[in-house]
């Protein structure tokens, strides 16, 4: 009985250790950044982006249905659907094809 409990305890420790270790996710086309850049999160409004990040260097759109707009801040781009952030691209970590 004690041996079974001891083996179960040891096995649980190994399982917990591997679960806490985690994995590194590598995304093709992106490089690791030395410092993480603060960018707008998905779902926040255009007004909130303007409040927090100021006026973009360039505004494009809206185009299509639903209307998609692009704001260029130099080191990152923000894409909006209607007036909400759909996606943000960090240009510091993006690897461009040659």
Protein backbone atom coordinates (compact mmCIF):
# COMPACT_ATOMS: atom_id res chain seq x y z
CA UNK A 1 0.00 0.00 0.00
CA UNK A 2 2.77 2.43 0.95
CA UNK A 3 4.74 1.63 -2.20
CA UNK A 4 1.71 2.30 -4.42
CA UNK A 5 1.07 5.63 -2.69
CA UNK A 6 4.75 6.58 -2.99
CA UNK A 7 4.79 5.78 -6.73
CA UNK A 8 1.57 7.75 -7.22
CA UNK A 9 3.09 10.72 -5.39
CA UNK A 10 6.28 10.62 -7.51
CA UNK A 11 4.24 10.33 -10.74
CA UNK A 12 2.09 13.29 -9.73
CA UNK A 13 5.19 15.42 -9.13
CA UNK A 14 6.52 14.65 -12.62
CA UNK A 15 3.14 15.42 -14.20
CA UNK A 16 2.87 18.73 -12.30
CA UNK A 17 6.45 19.71 -13.20
CA UNK A 18 5.87 19.13 -16.92
CA UNK A 19 2.56 21.02 -16.81
CA UNK A 20 4.20 24.04 -15.16
CA UNK A 21 7.18 24.09 -17.53
CA UNK A 22 5.10 25.19 -20.54
CA UNK A 23 6.03 25.25 -24.19
CA UNK A 24 7.47 27.95 -26.40
CA UNK A 25 5.19 28.82 -29.29
CA UNK A 26 7.00 29.87 -32.46
CA UNK A 27 4.89 31.66 -35.05
CA UNK A 28 6.23 31.43 -38.61
CA UNK A 29 6.97 34.88 -39.99
CA UNK A 30 7.62 36.47 -36.58
CA UNK A 31 10.76 36.95 -34.50
CA UNK A 32 10.99 37.26 -30.73
CA UNK A 33 11.09 40.86 -29.54
CA UNK A 34 13.55 42.05 -26.89
CA UNK A 35 10.74 44.03 -25.27
CA UNK A 36 7.04 43.53 -25.71
CA UNK A 37 5.44 46.56 -27.38
CA UNK A 38 2.16 47.85 -25.97
CA UNK A 39 -0.47 47.73 -28.72
CA UNK A 40 -4.27 48.09 -28.77
CA UNK A 41 -6.21 44.97 -27.74
CA UNK A 42 -8.97 43.41 -29.80
CA UNK A 43 -12.42 44.83 -29.16
CA UNK A 44 -11.57 48.34 -27.97
CA UNK A 45 -13.03 51.35 -29.76
CA UNK A 46 -11.36 53.79 -32.16
CA UNK A 47 -11.91 56.57 -29.61
CA UNK A 48 -10.08 54.56 -26.93
CA UNK A 49 -7.17 53.87 -29.34
CA UNK A 50 -6.93 57.60 -30.10
CA UNK A 51 -6.97 58.37 -26.35
CA UNK A 52 -4.22 55.92 -25.53
CA UNK A 53 -1.98 56.03 -28.64
CA UNK A 54 -2.74 59.40 -30.22
CA UNK A 55 -3.33 60.22 -33.87
CA UNK A 56 -1.99 57.60 -36.32
CA UNK A 57 0.56 58.55 -38.97
CA UNK A 58 -1.77 57.27 -41.72
CA UNK A 59 -5.46 56.30 -41.82
CA UNK A 60 -6.80 54.05 -44.61
CA UNK A 61 -10.38 52.97 -45.31
CA UNK A 62 -13.02 52.08 -44.50
CA UNK A 63 -13.22 49.53 -47.31
CA UNK A 64 -15.71 46.72 -47.99
CA UNK A 65 -18.55 45.21 -46.03
CA UNK A 66 -18.15 45.02 -43.09
CA UNK A 67 -16.10 48.22 -43.26
CA UNK A 68 -12.41 47.59 -42.47
CA UNK A 69 -10.09 50.50 -41.62
CA UNK A 70 -6.32 50.49 -41.09
CA UNK A 71 -4.37 52.90 -38.90
CA UNK A 72 -0.59 53.00 -39.23
CA UNK A 73 1.41 53.99 -36.13
CA UNK A 74 4.85 53.31 -37.63
CA UNK A 75 5.90 50.39 -35.42
CA UNK A 76 2.47 48.74 -35.51
CA UNK A 77 -0.76 48.74 -37.54
CA UNK A 78 -4.28 48.52 -36.17
CA UNK A 79 -7.17 47.06 -38.19
CA UNK A 80 -10.75 47.97 -37.28
CA UNK A 81 -14.07 46.39 -38.18
CA UNK A 82 -16.63 49.19 -37.96
CA UNK A 83 -15.17 51.11 -34.98
CA UNK A 84 -13.66 48.22 -32.96
CA UNK A 85 -10.11 46.82 -33.07
CA UNK A 86 -10.11 43.60 -35.08
CA UNK A 87 -6.34 42.94 -35.17
CA UNK A 88 -3.01 44.61 -34.41
CA UNK A 89 0.25 43.79 -36.22
CA UNK A 90 3.55 44.49 -34.41
CA UNK A 91 5.92 45.45 -37.25
CA UNK A 92 9.00 45.09 -35.00
CA UNK A 93 8.55 41.31 -34.79
CA UNK A 94 7.25 40.72 -38.31
CA UNK A 95 9.73 39.06 -40.69
CA UNK A 96 9.18 40.37 -44.21
CA UNK A 97 9.90 38.07 -47.18
CA UNK A 98 12.93 38.99 -49.29
